[in-house]
Amino acid sequence: MEQKLYDSLVHLKSVIESDDNVLELERLSKEMDENDEVKKLSYQKDIALMNYEDALKHFPKDSKEVNEAQKSLHQAKLALDEHPLVHHYLEVYSKVREMYDKMNLELFHPFQ
């Protein structure tokens, strides 16, 4: 029984690793890691997030400073998400996530 389960899991792993969307997601991830424009946009988003968190520490949540920092964060995140490479990555990520959700439901739902 244990060997059969092990063999089934190895097969499942192989099927997942060879899935076109999983392979595309890995390729896009590497491409984003090497893309200077994406790095810059990601850095700008990180800075905007830190500024927003700092504003929350020092000002009331409904203050002008927090609202401006939140707006800047939103704009930085939107600019990153709208980059064609990141946009494509997020589309493929959604497909992979859906596949994992279906597997999770199929494999573990009977135990809930």
PDB file of N, CA and C in Angstrom:
ATOM      1  N   MET A   1       0.818  -1.194   0.000  1.00  0.00           N
ATOM      2  CA  MET A   1       0.000   0.000   0.000  1.00  0.00           C
ATOM      3  C   MET A   1       0.863   1.260   0.000  1.00  0.00           C
ATOM      4  N   GLU A   2       1.890   1.288   0.842  1.00  0.00           N
ATOM      5  CA  GLU A   2       2.745   2.469   0.911  1.00  0.00           C
ATOM      6  C   GLU A   2       3.476   2.693  -0.402  1.00  0.00           C
ATOM      7  N   GLN A   3       3.947   1.643  -1.027  1.00  0.00           N
ATOM      8  CA  GLN A   3       4.655   1.790  -2.302  1.00  0.00           C
ATOM      9  C   GLN A   3       3.711   2.299  -3.387  1.00  0.00           C
ATOM     10  N   LYS A   4       2.494   1.816  -3.384  1.00  0.00           N
ATOM     11  CA  LYS A   4       1.508   2.265  -4.376  1.00  0.00           C
ATOM     12  C   LYS A   4       1.211   3.758  -4.192  1.00  0.00           C
ATOM     13  N   LEU A   5       1.038   4.167  -2.957  1.00  0.00           N
ATOM     14  CA  LEU A   5       0.799   5.579  -2.661  1.00  0.00           C
ATOM     15  C   LEU A   5       1.996   6.414  -3.075  1.00  0.00           C
ATOM     16  N   TYR A   6       3.170   5.954  -2.732  1.00  0.00           N
ATOM     17  CA  TYR A   6       4.406   6.666  -3.097  1.00  0.00           C
ATOM     18  C   TYR A   6       4.509   6.817  -4.617  1.00  0.00           C
ATOM     19  N   ASP A   7       4.267   5.734  -5.343  1.00  0.00           N
ATOM     20  CA  ASP A   7       4.333   5.766  -6.805  1.00  0.00           C
ATOM     21  C   ASP A   7       3.300   6.743  -7.379  1.00  0.00           C
ATOM     22  N   SER A   8       2.120   6.747  -6.798  1.00  0.00           N
ATOM     23  CA  SER A   8       1.070   7.672  -7.248  1.00  0.00           C
ATOM     24  C   SER A   8       1.472   9.122  -7.009  1.00  0.00           C
ATOM     25  N   LEU A   9       2.084   9.390  -5.863  1.00  0.00           N
ATOM     26  CA  LEU A   9       2.522  10.751  -5.550  1.00  0.00           C
ATOM     27  C   LEU A   9       3.659  11.198  -6.459  1.00  0.00           C
ATOM     28  N   VAL A  10       4.569  10.300  -6.753  1.00  0.00           N
ATOM     29  CA  VAL A  10       5.664  10.618  -7.676  1.00  0.00           C
ATOM     30  C   VAL A  10       5.095  10.938  -9.057  1.00  0.00           C
ATOM     31  N   HIS A  11       4.118  10.165  -9.475  1.00  0.00           N
ATOM     32  CA  HIS A  11       3.475  10.415 -10.770  1.00  0.00           C
ATOM     33  C   HIS A  11       2.762  11.776 -10.767  1.00  0.00           C
ATOM     34  N   LEU A  12       2.034  12.058  -9.695  1.00  0.00           N
ATOM     35  CA  LEU A  12       1.339  13.342  -9.583  1.00  0.00           C
ATOM     36  C   LEU A  12       2.335  14.496  -9.659  1.00  0.00           C
ATOM     37  N   LYS A  13       3.431  14.369  -8.946  1.00  0.00           N
ATOM     38  CA  LYS A  13       4.476  15.405  -8.978  1.00  0.00           C
ATOM     39  C   LYS A  13       4.990  15.599 -10.393  1.00  0.00           C
ATOM     40  N   SER A  14       5.205  14.519 -11.102  1.00  0.00           N
ATOM     41  CA  SER A  14       5.699  14.578 -12.475  1.00  0.00           C
ATOM     42  C   SER A  14       4.685  15.268 -13.394  1.00  0.00           C
ATOM     43  N   VAL A  15       3.423  14.946 -13.209  1.00  0.00           N
ATOM     44  CA  VAL A  15       2.364  15.559 -14.022  1.00  0.00           C
ATOM     45  C   VAL A  15       2.301  17.064 -13.754  1.00  0.00           C
ATOM     46  N   ILE A  16       2.388  17.447 -12.506  1.00  0.00           N
ATOM     47  CA  ILE A  16       2.350  18.872 -12.144  1.00  0.00           C
ATOM     48  C   ILE A  16       3.551  19.602 -12.741  1.00  0.00           C
ATOM     49  N   GLU A  17       4.730  19.034 -12.573  1.00  0.00           N
ATOM     50  CA  GLU A  17       5.950  19.680 -13.060  1.00  0.00           C
ATOM     51  C   GLU A  17       5.995  19.805 -14.581  1.00  0.00           C
ATOM     52  N   SER A  18       5.270  18.959 -15.281  1.00  0.00           N
ATOM     53  CA  SER A  18       5.284  19.016 -16.741  1.00  0.00           C
ATOM     54  C   SER A  18       4.070  19.753 -17.315  1.00  0.00           C
ATOM     55  N   ASP A  19       3.209  20.263 -16.452  1.00  0.00           N
ATOM     56  CA  ASP A  19       2.044  21.019 -16.900  1.00  0.00           C
ATOM     57  C   ASP A  19       2.504  22.281 -17.626  1.00  0.00           C
ATOM     58  N   ASP A  20       1.876  22.569 -18.758  1.00  0.00           N
ATOM     59  CA  ASP A  20       2.276  23.725 -19.570  1.00  0.00           C
ATOM     60  C   ASP A  20       2.208  25.036 -18.788  1.00  0.00           C
ATOM     61  N   ASN A  21       1.164  25.204 -17.998  1.00  0.00           N
ATOM     62  CA  ASN A  21       1.027  26.440 -17.229  1.00  0.00           C
ATOM     63  C   ASN A  21       2.080  26.552 -16.130  1.00  0.00           C
ATOM     64  N   VAL A  22       2.401  25.449 -15.497  1.00  0.00           N
ATOM     65  CA  VAL A  22       3.435  25.461 -14.458  1.00  0.00           C
ATOM     66  C   VAL A  22       4.785  25.798 -15.082  1.00  0.00           C
ATOM     67  N   LEU A  23       5.074  25.202 -16.217  1.00  0.00           N
ATOM     68  CA  LEU A  23       6.333  25.497 -16.919  1.00  0.00           C
ATOM     69  C   LEU A  23       6.382  26.958 -17.358  1.00  0.00           C
ATOM     70  N   GLU A  24       5.258  27.459 -17.858  1.00  0.00           N
ATOM     71  CA  GLU A  24       5.204  28.853 -18.283  1.00  0.00           C
ATOM     72  C   GLU A  24       5.368  29.792 -17.091  1.00  0.00           C
ATOM     73  N   LEU A  25       4.778  29.446 -15.964  1.00  0.00           N
ATOM     74  CA  LEU A  25       4.908  30.258 -14.760  1.00  0.00           C
ATOM     75  C   LEU A  25       6.367  30.325 -14.309  1.00  0.00           C
ATOM     76  N   GLU A  26       7.055  29.215 -14.345  1.00  0.00           N
ATOM     77  CA  GLU A  26       8.483  29.186 -13.982  1.00  0.00           C
ATOM     78  C   GLU A  26       9.305  30.039 -14.941  1.00  0.00           C
ATOM     79  N   ARG A  27       9.010  29.935 -16.228  1.00  0.00           N
ATOM     80  CA  ARG A  27       9.730  30.724 -17.225  1.00  0.00           C
ATOM     81  C   ARG A  27       9.498  32.219 -17.004  1.00  0.00           C
ATOM     82  N   LEU A  28       8.243  32.580 -16.782  1.00  0.00           N
ATOM     83  CA  LEU A  28       7.914  33.990 -16.566  1.00  0.00           C
ATOM     84  C   LEU A  28       8.539  34.521 -15.284  1.00  0.00           C
ATOM     85  N   SER A  29       8.580  33.696 -14.264  1.00  0.00           N
ATOM     86  CA  SER A  29       9.183  34.106 -12.999  1.00  0.00           C
ATOM     87  C   SER A  29      10.661  34.445 -13.206  1.00  0.00           C
ATOM     88  N   LYS A  30      11.362  33.602 -13.925  1.00  0.00           N
ATOM     89  CA  LYS A  30      12.775  33.858 -14.217  1.00  0.00           C
ATOM     90  C   LYS A  30      12.932  35.120 -15.067  1.00  0.00           C
ATOM     91  N   GLU A  31      12.050  35.270 -16.041  1.00  0.00           N
ATOM     92  CA  GLU A  31      12.124  36.438 -16.914  1.00  0.00           C
ATOM     93  C   GLU A  31      11.876  37.729 -16.122  1.00  0.00           C
ATOM     94  N   MET A  32      10.926  37.695 -15.206  1.00  0.00           N
ATOM     95  CA  MET A  32      10.660  38.870 -14.375  1.00  0.00           C
ATOM     96  C   MET A  32      11.846  39.182 -13.476  1.00  0.00           C
ATOM     97  N   ASP A  33      12.476  38.148 -12.929  1.00  0.00           N
ATOM     98  CA  ASP A  33      13.641  38.335 -12.065  1.00  0.00           C
ATOM     99  C   ASP A  33      14.799  39.014 -12.792  1.00  0.00           C
ATOM    100  N   GLU A  34      14.854  38.850 -14.100  1.00  0.00           N
ATOM    101  CA  GLU A  34      15.945  39.406 -14.900  1.00  0.00           C
ATOM    102  C   GLU A  34      15.585  40.718 -15.588  1.00  0.00           C
ATOM    103  N   ASN A  35      14.332  41.137 -15.489  1.00  0.00           N
ATOM    104  CA  ASN A  35      13.857  42.322 -16.194  1.00  0.00           C
ATOM    105  C   ASN A  35      14.057  43.571 -15.336  1.00  0.00           C
ATOM    106  N   ASP A  36      14.874  44.497 -15.818  1.00  0.00           N
ATOM    107  CA  ASP A  36      15.189  45.702 -15.043  1.00  0.00           C
ATOM    108  C   ASP A  36      13.967  46.588 -14.803  1.00  0.00           C
ATOM    109  N   GLU A  37      13.083  46.662 -15.776  1.00  0.00           N
ATOM    110  CA  GLU A  37      11.880  47.488 -15.620  1.00  0.00           C
ATOM    111  C   GLU A  37      10.969  46.921 -14.525  1.00  0.00           C
ATOM    112  N   VAL A  38      10.818  45.616 -14.514  1.00  0.00           N
ATOM    113  CA  VAL A  38       9.996  44.971 -13.480  1.00  0.00           C
ATOM    114  C   VAL A  38      10.660  45.147 -12.116  1.00  0.00           C
ATOM    115  N   LYS A  39      11.973  45.013 -12.065  1.00  0.00           N
ATOM    116  CA  LYS A  39      12.694  45.221 -10.796  1.00  0.00           C
ATOM    117  C   LYS A  39      12.454  46.636 -10.270  1.00  0.00           C
ATOM    118  N   LYS A  40      12.530  47.603 -11.163  1.00  0.00           N
ATOM    119  CA  LYS A  40      12.325  48.997 -10.769  1.00  0.00           C
ATOM    120  C   LYS A  40      10.904  49.215 -10.250  1.00  0.00           C
ATOM    121  N   LEU A  41       9.924  48.710 -10.965  1.00  0.00           N
ATOM    122  CA  LEU A  41       8.528  48.865 -10.540  1.00  0.00           C
ATOM    123  C   LEU A  41       8.275  48.153  -9.212  1.00  0.00           C
ATOM    124  N   SER A  42       8.879  47.007  -9.043  1.00  0.00           N
ATOM    125  CA  SER A  42       8.735  46.261  -7.793  1.00  0.00           C
ATOM    126  C   SER A  42       9.368  47.023  -6.633  1.00  0.00           C
ATOM    127  N   TYR A  43      10.523  47.609  -6.879  1.00  0.00           N
ATOM    128  CA  TYR A  43      11.202  48.416  -5.866  1.00  0.00           C
ATOM    129  C   TYR A  43      10.347  49.632  -5.490  1.00  0.00           C
ATOM    130  N   GLN A  44       9.783  50.284  -6.486  1.00  0.00           N
ATOM    131  CA  GLN A  44       8.930  51.449  -6.232  1.00  0.00           C
ATOM    132  C   GLN A  44       7.697  51.053  -5.414  1.00  0.00           C
ATOM    133  N   LYS A  45       7.148  49.886  -5.702  1.00  0.00           N
ATOM    134  CA  LYS A  45       6.005  49.389  -4.938  1.00  0.00           C
ATOM    135  C   LYS A  45       6.420  49.104  -3.497  1.00  0.00           C
ATOM    136  N   ASP A  46       7.591  48.512  -3.317  1.00  0.00           N
ATOM    137  CA  ASP A  46       8.090  48.216  -1.969  1.00  0.00           C
ATOM    138  C   ASP A  46       8.310  49.494  -1.164  1.00  0.00           C
ATOM    139  N   ILE A  47       8.859  50.513  -1.801  1.00  0.00           N
ATOM    140  CA  ILE A  47       9.074  51.801  -1.129  1.00  0.00           C
ATOM    141  C   ILE A  47       7.727  52.420  -0.755  1.00  0.00           C
ATOM    142  N   ALA A  48       6.773  52.376  -1.671  1.00  0.00           N
ATOM    143  CA  ALA A  48       5.438  52.924  -1.393  1.00  0.00           C
ATOM    144  C   ALA A  48       4.776  52.175  -0.240  1.00  0.00           C
ATOM    145  N   LEU A  49       4.981  50.876  -0.170  1.00  0.00           N
ATOM    146  CA  LEU A  49       4.425  50.082   0.930  1.00  0.00           C
ATOM    147  C   LEU A  49       5.061  50.485   2.257  1.00  0.00           C
ATOM    148  N   MET A  50       6.366  50.662   2.264  1.00  0.00           N
ATOM    149  CA  MET A  50       7.042  51.083   3.495  1.00  0.00           C
ATOM    150  C   MET A  50       6.558  52.466   3.932  1.00  0.00           C
ATOM    151  N   ASN A  51       6.378  53.374   2.971  1.00  0.00           N
ATOM    152  CA  ASN A  51       5.878  54.710   3.296  1.00  0.00           C
ATOM    153  C   ASN A  51       4.464  54.650   3.870  1.00  0.00           C
ATOM    154  N   TYR A  52       3.644  53.783   3.306  1.00  0.00           N
ATOM    155  CA  TYR A  52       2.280  53.607   3.798  1.00  0.00           C
ATOM    156  C   TYR A  52       2.292  53.052   5.226  1.00  0.00           C
ATOM    157  N   GLU A  53       3.113  52.037   5.455  1.00  0.00           N
ATOM    158  CA  GLU A  53       3.207  51.456   6.802  1.00  0.00           C
ATOM    159  C   GLU A  53       3.722  52.480   7.810  1.00  0.00           C
ATOM    160  N   ASP A  54       4.701  53.285   7.394  1.00  0.00           N
ATOM    161  CA  ASP A  54       5.212  54.345   8.275  1.00  0.00           C
ATOM    162  C   ASP A  54       4.131  55.378   8.569  1.00  0.00           C
ATOM    163  N   ALA A  55       3.369  55.737   7.555  1.00  0.00           N
ATOM    164  CA  ALA A  55       2.293  56.714   7.755  1.00  0.00           C
ATOM    165  C   ALA A  55       1.265  56.176   8.747  1.00  0.00           C
ATOM    166  N   LEU A  56       0.957  54.889   8.652  1.00  0.00           N
ATOM    167  CA  LEU A  56      -0.003  54.284   9.583  1.00  0.00           C
ATOM    168  C   LEU A  56       0.516  54.303  11.021  1.00  0.00           C
ATOM    169  N   LYS A  57       1.829  54.217  11.173  1.00  0.00           N
ATOM    170  CA  LYS A  57       2.426  54.229  12.514  1.00  0.00           C
ATOM    171  C   LYS A  57       2.364  55.611  13.156  1.00  0.00           C
ATOM    172  N   HIS A  58       2.400  56.647  12.325  1.00  0.00           N
ATOM    173  CA  HIS A  58       2.551  58.003  12.851  1.00  0.00           C
ATOM    174  C   HIS A  58       1.303  58.880  12.752  1.00  0.00           C
ATOM    175  N   PHE A  59       0.334  58.472  11.935  1.00  0.00           N
ATOM    176  CA  PHE A  59      -0.845  59.312  11.725  1.00  0.00           C
ATOM    177  C   PHE A  59      -2.112  58.484  11.862  1.00  0.00           C
ATOM    178  N   PRO A  60      -3.227  59.132  12.146  1.00  0.00           N
ATOM    179  CA  PRO A  60      -4.505  58.410  12.189  1.00  0.00           C
ATOM    180  C   PRO A  60      -4.830  57.813  10.816  1.00  0.00           C
ATOM    181  N   LYS A  61      -5.575  56.736  10.842  1.00  0.00           N
ATOM    182  CA  LYS A  61      -5.882  55.997   9.620  1.00  0.00           C
ATOM    183  C   LYS A  61      -6.591  56.858   8.573  1.00  0.00           C
ATOM    184  N   ASP A  62      -7.374  57.812   9.025  1.00  0.00           N
ATOM    185  CA  ASP A  62      -8.124  58.645   8.088  1.00  0.00           C
ATOM    186  C   ASP A  62      -7.431  59.989   7.808  1.00  0.00           C
ATOM    187  N   SER A  63      -6.154  60.094   8.120  1.00  0.00           N
ATOM    188  CA  SER A  63      -5.421  61.344   7.922  1.00  0.00           C
ATOM    189  C   SER A  63      -5.050  61.545   6.453  1.00  0.00           C
ATOM    190  N   LYS A  64      -4.731  62.774   6.127  1.00  0.00           N
ATOM    191  CA  LYS A  64      -4.292  63.132   4.780  1.00  0.00           C
ATOM    192  C   LYS A  64      -3.016  62.370   4.414  1.00  0.00           C
ATOM    193  N   GLU A  65      -2.094  62.276   5.361  1.00  0.00           N
ATOM    194  CA  GLU A  65      -0.820  61.594   5.109  1.00  0.00           C
ATOM    195  C   GLU A  65      -1.022  60.119   4.772  1.00  0.00           C
ATOM    196  N   VAL A  66      -1.891  59.454   5.512  1.00  0.00           N
ATOM    197  CA  VAL A  66      -2.155  58.035   5.246  1.00  0.00           C
ATOM    198  C   VAL A  66      -2.869  57.877   3.909  1.00  0.00           C
ATOM    199  N   ASN A  67      -3.839  58.743   3.632  1.00  0.00           N
ATOM    200  CA  ASN A  67      -4.564  58.657   2.358  1.00  0.00           C
ATOM    201  C   ASN A  67      -3.624  58.856   1.168  1.00  0.00           C
ATOM    202  N   GLU A  68      -2.704  59.803   1.279  1.00  0.00           N
ATOM    203  CA  GLU A  68      -1.744  60.040   0.195  1.00  0.00           C
ATOM    204  C   GLU A  68      -0.796  58.852   0.026  1.00  0.00           C
ATOM    205  N   ALA A  69      -0.349  58.305   1.136  1.00  0.00           N
ATOM    206  CA  ALA A  69       0.544  57.136   1.070  1.00  0.00           C
ATOM    207  C   ALA A  69      -0.190  55.934   0.481  1.00  0.00           C
ATOM    208  N   GLN A  70      -1.452  55.776   0.837  1.00  0.00           N
ATOM    209  CA  GLN A  70      -2.250  54.670   0.303  1.00  0.00           C
ATOM    210  C   GLN A  70      -2.460  54.847  -1.203  1.00  0.00           C
ATOM    211  N   LYS A  71      -2.704  56.066  -1.625  1.00  0.00           N
ATOM    212  CA  LYS A  71      -2.878  56.347  -3.054  1.00  0.00           C
ATOM    213  C   LYS A  71      -1.581  56.054  -3.812  1.00  0.00           C
ATOM    214  N   SER A  72      -0.455  56.457  -3.249  1.00  0.00           N
ATOM    215  CA  SER A  72       0.840  56.184  -3.884  1.00  0.00           C
ATOM    216  C   SER A  72       1.103  54.689  -3.986  1.00  0.00           C
ATOM    217  N   LEU A  73       0.764  53.959  -2.930  1.00  0.00           N
ATOM    218  CA  LEU A  73       0.926  52.505  -2.948  1.00  0.00           C
ATOM    219  C   LEU A  73       0.047  51.885  -4.029  1.00  0.00           C
ATOM    220  N   HIS A  74      -1.188  52.328  -4.108  1.00  0.00           N
ATOM    221  CA  HIS A  74      -2.105  51.803  -5.117  1.00  0.00           C
ATOM    222  C   HIS A  74      -1.561  52.056  -6.532  1.00  0.00           C
ATOM    223  N   GLN A  75      -1.068  53.259  -6.771  1.00  0.00           N
ATOM    224  CA  GLN A  75      -0.532  53.599  -8.090  1.00  0.00           C
ATOM    225  C   GLN A  75       0.711  52.769  -8.421  1.00  0.00           C
ATOM    226  N   ALA A  76       1.577  52.569  -7.430  1.00  0.00           N
ATOM    227  CA  ALA A  76       2.792  51.772  -7.653  1.00  0.00           C
ATOM    228  C   ALA A  76       2.439  50.312  -7.927  1.00  0.00           C
ATOM    229  N   LYS A  77       1.493  49.783  -7.180  1.00  0.00           N
ATOM    230  CA  LYS A  77       1.058  48.385  -7.374  1.00  0.00           C
ATOM    231  C   LYS A  77       0.395  48.228  -8.742  1.00  0.00           C
ATOM    232  N   LEU A  78      -0.425  49.192  -9.114  1.00  0.00           N
ATOM    233  CA  LEU A  78      -1.095  49.155 -10.411  1.00  0.00           C
ATOM    234  C   LEU A  78      -0.077  49.207 -11.554  1.00  0.00           C
ATOM    235  N   ALA A  79       0.921  50.071 -11.428  1.00  0.00           N
ATOM    236  CA  ALA A  79       1.960  50.166 -12.465  1.00  0.00           C
ATOM    237  C   ALA A  79       2.700  48.837 -12.613  1.00  0.00           C
ATOM    238  N   LEU A  80       2.996  48.198 -11.499  1.00  0.00           N
ATOM    239  CA  LEU A  80       3.667  46.894 -11.539  1.00  0.00           C
ATOM    240  C   LEU A  80       2.759  45.843 -12.178  1.00  0.00           C
ATOM    241  N   ASP A  81       1.527  45.782 -11.731  1.00  0.00           N
ATOM    242  CA  ASP A  81       0.589  44.773 -12.240  1.00  0.00           C
ATOM    243  C   ASP A  81       0.264  44.955 -13.715  1.00  0.00           C
ATOM    244  N   GLU A  82       0.344  46.187 -14.205  1.00  0.00           N
ATOM    245  CA  GLU A  82       0.011  46.448 -15.604  1.00  0.00           C
ATOM    246  C   GLU A  82       1.195  46.244 -16.550  1.00  0.00           C
ATOM    247  N   HIS A  83       2.383  46.035 -16.010  1.00  0.00           N
ATOM    248  CA  HIS A  83       3.526  45.730 -16.882  1.00  0.00           C
ATOM    249  C   HIS A  83       3.178  44.439 -17.626  1.00  0.00           C
ATOM    250  N   PRO A  84       3.367  44.400 -18.943  1.00  0.00           N
ATOM    251  CA  PRO A  84       2.950  43.224 -19.728  1.00  0.00           C
ATOM    252  C   PRO A  84       3.482  41.889 -19.198  1.00  0.00           C
ATOM    253  N   LEU A  85       4.711  41.862 -18.773  1.00  0.00           N
ATOM    254  CA  LEU A  85       5.298  40.620 -18.263  1.00  0.00           C
ATOM    255  C   LEU A  85       4.626  40.190 -16.961  1.00  0.00           C
ATOM    256  N   VAL A  86       4.418  41.144 -16.068  1.00  0.00           N
ATOM    257  CA  VAL A  86       3.776  40.846 -14.785  1.00  0.00           C
ATOM    258  C   VAL A  86       2.318  40.471 -15.013  1.00  0.00           C
ATOM    259  N   HIS A  87       1.659  41.196 -15.912  1.00  0.00           N
ATOM    260  CA  HIS A  87       0.260  40.900 -16.225  1.00  0.00           C
ATOM    261  C   HIS A  87       0.107  39.469 -16.731  1.00  0.00           C
ATOM    262  N   HIS A  88       0.987  39.077 -17.635  1.00  0.00           N
ATOM    263  CA  HIS A  88       0.938  37.704 -18.167  1.00  0.00           C
ATOM    264  C   HIS A  88       1.228  36.688 -17.057  1.00  0.00           C
ATOM    265  N   TYR A  89       2.209  36.996 -16.224  1.00  0.00           N
ATOM    266  CA  TYR A  89       2.524  36.119 -15.093  1.00  0.00           C
ATOM    267  C   TYR A  89       1.295  35.931 -14.206  1.00  0.00           C
ATOM    268  N   LEU A  90       0.597  37.000 -13.893  1.00  0.00           N
ATOM    269  CA  LEU A  90      -0.576  36.908 -13.022  1.00  0.00           C
ATOM    270  C   LEU A  90      -1.703  36.097 -13.658  1.00  0.00           C
ATOM    271  N   GLU A  91      -1.842  36.199 -14.979  1.00  0.00           N
ATOM    272  CA  GLU A  91      -2.843  35.394 -15.677  1.00  0.00           C
ATOM    273  C   GLU A  91      -2.513  33.903 -15.571  1.00  0.00           C
ATOM    274  N   VAL A  92      -1.266  33.566 -15.820  1.00  0.00           N
ATOM    275  CA  VAL A  92      -0.846  32.156 -15.753  1.00  0.00           C
ATOM    276  C   VAL A  92      -0.899  31.665 -14.311  1.00  0.00           C
ATOM    277  N   TYR A  93      -0.484  32.519 -13.372  1.00  0.00           N
ATOM    278  CA  TYR A  93      -0.547  32.167 -11.949  1.00  0.00           C
ATOM    279  C   TYR A  93      -1.980  31.807 -11.554  1.00  0.00           C
ATOM    280  N   SER A  94      -2.929  32.562 -12.056  1.00  0.00           N
ATOM    281  CA  SER A  94      -4.337  32.296 -11.755  1.00  0.00           C
ATOM    282  C   SER A  94      -4.751  30.903 -12.242  1.00  0.00           C
ATOM    283  N   LYS A  95      -4.285  30.523 -13.413  1.00  0.00           N
ATOM    284  CA  LYS A  95      -4.600  29.196 -13.953  1.00  0.00           C
ATOM    285  C   LYS A  95      -3.964  28.089 -13.104  1.00  0.00           C
ATOM    286  N   VAL A  96      -2.731  28.302 -12.700  1.00  0.00           N
ATOM    287  CA  VAL A  96      -2.030  27.307 -11.870  1.00  0.00           C
ATOM    288  C   VAL A  96      -2.717  27.215 -10.513  1.00  0.00           C
ATOM    289  N   ARG A  97      -3.064  28.350  -9.953  1.00  0.00           N
ATOM    290  CA  ARG A  97      -3.750  28.377  -8.654  1.00  0.00           C
ATOM    291  C   ARG A  97      -5.081  27.622  -8.743  1.00  0.00           C
ATOM    292  N   GLU A  98      -5.792  27.808  -9.841  1.00  0.00           N
ATOM    293  CA  GLU A  98      -7.060  27.105 -10.051  1.00  0.00           C
ATOM    294  C   GLU A  98      -6.825  25.589 -10.111  1.00  0.00           C
ATOM    295  N   MET A  99      -5.760  25.169 -10.783  1.00  0.00           N
ATOM    296  CA  MET A  99      -5.432  23.749 -10.861  1.00  0.00           C
ATOM    297  C   MET A  99      -5.155  23.196  -9.457  1.00  0.00           C
ATOM    298  N   TYR A 100      -4.371  23.933  -8.667  1.00  0.00           N
ATOM    299  CA  TYR A 100      -4.064  23.493  -7.308  1.00  0.00           C
ATOM    300  C   TYR A 100      -5.324  23.451  -6.436  1.00  0.00           C
ATOM    301  N   ASP A 101      -6.200  24.415  -6.609  1.00  0.00           N
ATOM    302  CA  ASP A 101      -7.454  24.417  -5.847  1.00  0.00           C
ATOM    303  C   ASP A 101      -8.311  23.201  -6.181  1.00  0.00           C
ATOM    304  N   LYS A 102      -8.371  22.864  -7.466  1.00  0.00           N
ATOM    305  CA  LYS A 102      -9.134  21.676  -7.888  1.00  0.00           C
ATOM    306  C   LYS A 102      -8.519  20.404  -7.310  1.00  0.00           C
ATOM    307  N   MET A 103      -7.192  20.323  -7.339  1.00  0.00           N
ATOM    308  CA  MET A 103      -6.517  19.147  -6.775  1.00  0.00           C
ATOM    309  C   MET A 103      -6.778  19.058  -5.277  1.00  0.00           C
ATOM    310  N   ASN A 104      -6.691  20.185  -4.612  1.00  0.00           N
ATOM    311  CA  ASN A 104      -6.934  20.218  -3.178  1.00  0.00           C
ATOM    312  C   ASN A 104      -8.351  19.746  -2.860  1.00  0.00           C
ATOM    313  N   LEU A 105      -9.308  20.228  -3.617  1.00  0.00           N
ATOM    314  CA  LEU A 105     -10.697  19.834  -3.418  1.00  0.00           C
ATOM    315  C   LEU A 105     -10.867  18.332  -3.654  1.00  0.00           C
ATOM    316  N   GLU A 106     -10.300  17.857  -4.740  1.00  0.00           N
ATOM    317  CA  GLU A 106     -10.438  16.453  -5.107  1.00  0.00           C
ATOM    318  C   GLU A 106      -9.746  15.528  -4.096  1.00  0.00           C
ATOM    319  N   LEU A 107      -8.557  15.915  -3.666  1.00  0.00           N
ATOM    320  CA  LEU A 107      -7.789  15.047  -2.774  1.00  0.00           C
ATOM    321  C   LEU A 107      -8.218  15.116  -1.320  1.00  0.00           C
ATOM    322  N   PHE A 108      -8.591  16.298  -0.855  1.00  0.00           N
ATOM    323  CA  PHE A 108      -8.803  16.463   0.584  1.00  0.00           C
ATOM    324  C   PHE A 108     -10.247  16.702   0.988  1.00  0.00           C
ATOM    325  N   HIS A 109     -11.118  17.006   0.048  1.00  0.00           N
ATOM    326  CA  HIS A 109     -12.522  17.235   0.394  1.00  0.00           C
ATOM    327  C   HIS A 109     -13.151  16.040   1.090  1.00  0.00           C
ATOM    328  N   PRO A 110     -12.859  14.819   0.653  1.00  0.00           N
ATOM    329  CA  PRO A 110     -13.451  13.661   1.336  1.00  0.00           C
ATOM    330  C   PRO A 110     -13.101  13.578   2.833  1.00  0.00           C
ATOM    331  N   PHE A 111     -12.033  14.221   3.258  1.00  0.00           N
ATOM    332  CA  PHE A 111     -11.612  14.134   4.650  1.00  0.00           C
ATOM    333  C   PHE A 111     -12.185  15.252   5.508  1.00  0.00           C
ATOM    334  N   GLN A 112     -12.913  16.157   4.912  1.00  0.00           N
ATOM    335  CA  GLN A 112     -13.448  17.299   5.677  1.00  0.00           C
ATOM    336  C   GLN A 112     -14.788  16.973   6.290  1.00  0.00           C
TER     337      GLN A 112
END
